[in-house]
Amino acid sequence: MPRTVRPRPFTSLRTRKARKTPWVREPSAAEVDFPRRVWISNKSNPNFTVLEIQTIDRIGLLYDIFATIGRFGIETVSARINTEKGAAVDSFYLSDIMGRKVEDSEQLANLKIALETVLGIEPT
């Protein structure tokens, strides 16, 4: 009687190693108590007002930030956008329409409150 050979499913060396090594996933920013803040400084840069935002990343985040800055008549000269593991840590270099630092402290305080509101951060 002829003997039949049953094919075995193909598993690569990589797959076999992966089964032996447990996969550990790092939690995202949304899953941990991630500190969220809006920080504005005129002392960090000699030419521009610096805005730093630390929050949980989401779709439309940058649009909301830039739209809020624009409503105050402030220009964004440069931005450093960093998103990792669901966390957004972004820096914006701002100026007034004349290209200088934003010196109006009331305008900056209102900008901070508006950004905190848009980002869902309790105003400080």
C-alpha atoms as a PDB file:
ATOM      1  CA  MET A   1       0.000   0.000   0.000  1.00  0.00           C
ATOM      2  CA  PRO A   2       1.446   3.353  -1.004  1.00  0.00           C
ATOM      3  CA  ARG A   3       2.355   5.707   1.740  1.00  0.00           C
ATOM      4  CA  THR A   4       1.104   9.283   1.475  1.00  0.00           C
ATOM      5  CA  VAL A   5       3.140  12.146   2.735  1.00  0.00           C
ATOM      6  CA  ARG A   6       1.208  14.866   4.411  1.00  0.00           C
ATOM      7  CA  PRO A   7       2.618  18.311   3.842  1.00  0.00           C
ATOM      8  CA  ARG A   8       3.445  20.225   6.962  1.00  0.00           C
ATOM      9  CA  PRO A   9       2.642  23.917   7.172  1.00  0.00           C
ATOM     10  CA  PHE A  10       5.602  26.099   6.372  1.00  0.00           C
ATOM     11  CA  THR A  11       7.011  28.108   9.257  1.00  0.00           C
ATOM     12  CA  SER A  12      10.047  30.206   8.837  1.00  0.00           C
ATOM     13  CA  LEU A  13      12.828  30.482  11.352  1.00  0.00           C
ATOM     14  CA  ARG A  14      11.599  33.997  12.166  1.00  0.00           C
ATOM     15  CA  THR A  15       8.105  32.701  12.960  1.00  0.00           C
ATOM     16  CA  ARG A  16       9.446  29.930  15.170  1.00  0.00           C
ATOM     17  CA  LYS A  17      11.624  32.368  17.092  1.00  0.00           C
ATOM     18  CA  ALA A  18       8.746  34.810  17.467  1.00  0.00           C
ATOM     19  CA  ARG A  19       6.592  32.135  19.077  1.00  0.00           C
ATOM     20  CA  LYS A  20       9.235  31.476  21.689  1.00  0.00           C
ATOM     21  CA  THR A  21       9.743  35.135  22.508  1.00  0.00           C
ATOM     22  CA  PRO A  22       6.750  36.807  24.144  1.00  0.00           C
ATOM     23  CA  TRP A  23       5.732  40.019  22.458  1.00  0.00           C
ATOM     24  CA  VAL A  24       5.515  42.948  24.844  1.00  0.00           C
ATOM     25  CA  ARG A  25       3.666  46.059  23.720  1.00  0.00           C
ATOM     26  CA  GLU A  26       4.447  49.390  25.299  1.00  0.00           C
ATOM     27  CA  PRO A  27       1.360  51.363  26.350  1.00  0.00           C
ATOM     28  CA  SER A  28       0.435  54.427  24.314  1.00  0.00           C
ATOM     29  CA  ALA A  29       0.124  57.919  25.771  1.00  0.00           C
ATOM     30  CA  ALA A  30      -3.650  57.529  25.876  1.00  0.00           C
ATOM     31  CA  GLU A  31      -3.324  54.435  28.085  1.00  0.00           C
ATOM     32  CA  VAL A  32      -1.120  56.038  30.723  1.00  0.00           C
ATOM     33  CA  ASP A  33      -1.439  59.204  32.731  1.00  0.00           C
ATOM     34  CA  PHE A  34       0.357  61.393  30.175  1.00  0.00           C
ATOM     35  CA  PRO A  35       1.029  64.974  31.341  1.00  0.00           C
ATOM     36  CA  ARG A  36      -0.575  67.503  29.003  1.00  0.00           C
ATOM     37  CA  ARG A  37       0.435  71.155  28.965  1.00  0.00           C
ATOM     38  CA  VAL A  38       0.687  74.388  27.002  1.00  0.00           C
ATOM     39  CA  TRP A  39       3.782  76.470  27.718  1.00  0.00           C
ATOM     40  CA  ILE A  40       4.619  79.889  26.237  1.00  0.00           C
ATOM     41  CA  SER A  41       7.943  81.683  26.699  1.00  0.00           C
ATOM     42  CA  ASN A  42       9.593  84.841  25.442  1.00  0.00           C
ATOM     43  CA  LYS A  43      12.872  83.980  27.187  1.00  0.00           C
ATOM     44  CA  SER A  44      13.753  80.731  25.385  1.00  0.00           C
ATOM     45  CA  ASN A  45      14.583  82.286  22.010  1.00  0.00           C
ATOM     46  CA  PRO A  46      16.046  85.730  21.291  1.00  0.00           C
ATOM     47  CA  ASN A  47      13.925  86.314  18.163  1.00  0.00           C
ATOM     48  CA  PHE A  48      10.619  84.489  18.594  1.00  0.00           C
ATOM     49  CA  THR A  49       7.994  83.566  21.153  1.00  0.00           C
ATOM     50  CA  VAL A  50       8.180  79.830  21.828  1.00  0.00           C
ATOM     51  CA  LEU A  51       5.024  77.773  22.265  1.00  0.00           C
ATOM     52  CA  GLU A  52       5.369  74.191  23.437  1.00  0.00           C
ATOM     53  CA  ILE A  53       2.467  71.781  23.478  1.00  0.00           C
ATOM     54  CA  GLN A  54       2.499  68.352  25.051  1.00  0.00           C
ATOM     55  CA  THR A  55      -0.687  66.329  24.608  1.00  0.00           C
ATOM     56  CA  ILE A  56      -2.173  63.093  23.342  1.00  0.00           C
ATOM     57  CA  ASP A  57      -2.052  62.891  19.542  1.00  0.00           C
ATOM     58  CA  ARG A  58      -5.268  62.749  17.560  1.00  0.00           C
ATOM     59  CA  ILE A  59      -6.557  63.364  14.062  1.00  0.00           C
ATOM     60  CA  GLY A  60      -6.875  67.103  13.409  1.00  0.00           C
ATOM     61  CA  LEU A  61      -4.588  68.138  16.270  1.00  0.00           C
ATOM     62  CA  LEU A  62      -2.263  70.302  14.176  1.00  0.00           C
ATOM     63  CA  TYR A  63      -5.201  71.882  12.360  1.00  0.00           C
ATOM     64  CA  ASP A  64      -6.760  72.897  15.692  1.00  0.00           C
ATOM     65  CA  ILE A  65      -3.458  74.305  16.966  1.00  0.00           C
ATOM     66  CA  PHE A  66      -2.685  76.329  13.830  1.00  0.00           C
ATOM     67  CA  ALA A  67      -6.275  77.581  13.527  1.00  0.00           C
ATOM     68  CA  THR A  68      -6.214  78.792  17.137  1.00  0.00           C
ATOM     69  CA  ILE A  69      -2.871  80.551  16.678  1.00  0.00           C
ATOM     70  CA  GLY A  70      -4.160  82.177  13.463  1.00  0.00           C
ATOM     71  CA  ARG A  71      -7.310  83.519  15.168  1.00  0.00           C
ATOM     72  CA  PHE A  72      -5.052  85.629  17.380  1.00  0.00           C
ATOM     73  CA  GLY A  73      -3.280  87.169  14.386  1.00  0.00           C
ATOM     74  CA  ILE A  74      -0.031  85.464  15.329  1.00  0.00           C
ATOM     75  CA  GLU A  75       2.240  83.960  12.700  1.00  0.00           C
ATOM     76  CA  THR A  76       4.012  80.632  12.997  1.00  0.00           C
ATOM     77  CA  VAL A  77       7.555  81.100  11.724  1.00  0.00           C
ATOM     78  CA  SER A  78       8.720  77.560  12.368  1.00  0.00           C
ATOM     79  CA  ALA A  79       7.427  74.395  13.995  1.00  0.00           C
ATOM     80  CA  ARG A  80       8.985  71.174  15.251  1.00  0.00           C
ATOM     81  CA  ILE A  81       6.428  68.395  15.266  1.00  0.00           C
ATOM     82  CA  ASN A  82       7.199  65.218  17.181  1.00  0.00           C
ATOM     83  CA  THR A  83       4.740  62.354  17.594  1.00  0.00           C
ATOM     84  CA  GLU A  84       5.719  59.100  19.233  1.00  0.00           C
ATOM     85  CA  LYS A  85       3.614  56.313  20.757  1.00  0.00           C
ATOM     86  CA  GLY A  86       0.470  58.437  20.643  1.00  0.00           C
ATOM     87  CA  ALA A  87       2.048  61.474  22.281  1.00  0.00           C
ATOM     88  CA  ALA A  88       2.510  64.823  20.559  1.00  0.00           C
ATOM     89  CA  VAL A  89       5.316  67.043  21.822  1.00  0.00           C
ATOM     90  CA  ASP A  90       5.419  70.040  19.497  1.00  0.00           C
ATOM     91  CA  SER A  91       7.266  73.373  19.498  1.00  0.00           C
ATOM     92  CA  PHE A  92       6.141  76.446  17.583  1.00  0.00           C
ATOM     93  CA  TYR A  93       8.144  79.614  17.004  1.00  0.00           C
ATOM     94  CA  LEU A  94       5.769  82.552  16.816  1.00  0.00           C
ATOM     95  CA  SER A  95       5.945  86.201  15.823  1.00  0.00           C
ATOM     96  CA  ASP A  96       3.598  89.130  15.411  1.00  0.00           C
ATOM     97  CA  ILE A  97       2.751  90.498  11.950  1.00  0.00           C
ATOM     98  CA  MET A  98       5.910  92.622  12.051  1.00  0.00           C
ATOM     99  CA  GLY A  99       8.117  89.554  12.564  1.00  0.00           C
ATOM    100  CA  ARG A 100       8.923  90.314  16.213  1.00  0.00           C
ATOM    101  CA  LYS A 101       8.245  88.420  19.427  1.00  0.00           C
ATOM    102  CA  VAL A 102       4.678  88.589  20.686  1.00  0.00           C
ATOM    103  CA  GLU A 103       5.111  90.969  23.625  1.00  0.00           C
ATOM    104  CA  ASP A 104       1.441  91.473  24.564  1.00  0.00           C
ATOM    105  CA  SER A 105       1.116  89.398  27.756  1.00  0.00           C
ATOM    106  CA  GLU A 106      -2.698  89.560  27.680  1.00  0.00           C
ATOM    107  CA  GLN A 107      -2.752  88.207  24.118  1.00  0.00           C
ATOM    108  CA  LEU A 108      -0.394  85.374  25.107  1.00  0.00           C
ATOM    109  CA  ALA A 109      -2.497  84.522  28.177  1.00  0.00           C
ATOM    110  CA  ASN A 110      -5.637  84.392  26.030  1.00  0.00           C
ATOM    111  CA  LEU A 111      -3.832  82.238  23.453  1.00  0.00           C
ATOM    112  CA  LYS A 112      -2.797  79.820  26.169  1.00  0.00           C
ATOM    113  CA  ILE A 113      -6.379  79.562  27.493  1.00  0.00           C
ATOM    114  CA  ALA A 114      -7.754  79.057  23.974  1.00  0.00           C
ATOM    115  CA  LEU A 115      -5.232  76.302  23.219  1.00  0.00           C
ATOM    116  CA  GLU A 116      -5.918  74.565  26.527  1.00  0.00           C
ATOM    117  CA  THR A 117      -9.622  74.652  25.738  1.00  0.00           C
ATOM    118  CA  VAL A 118      -9.147  73.229  22.218  1.00  0.00           C
ATOM    119  CA  LEU A 119      -6.850  70.502  23.569  1.00  0.00           C
ATOM    120  CA  GLY A 120      -9.119  69.591  26.467  1.00  0.00           C
ATOM    121  CA  ILE A 121      -6.607  70.631  29.122  1.00  0.00           C
ATOM    122  CA  GLU A 122      -7.785  72.161  32.381  1.00  0.00           C
ATOM    123  CA  PRO A 123      -6.745  75.853  32.260  1.00  0.00           C
ATOM    124  CA  THR A 124      -3.939  76.697  34.684  1.00  0.00           C
END
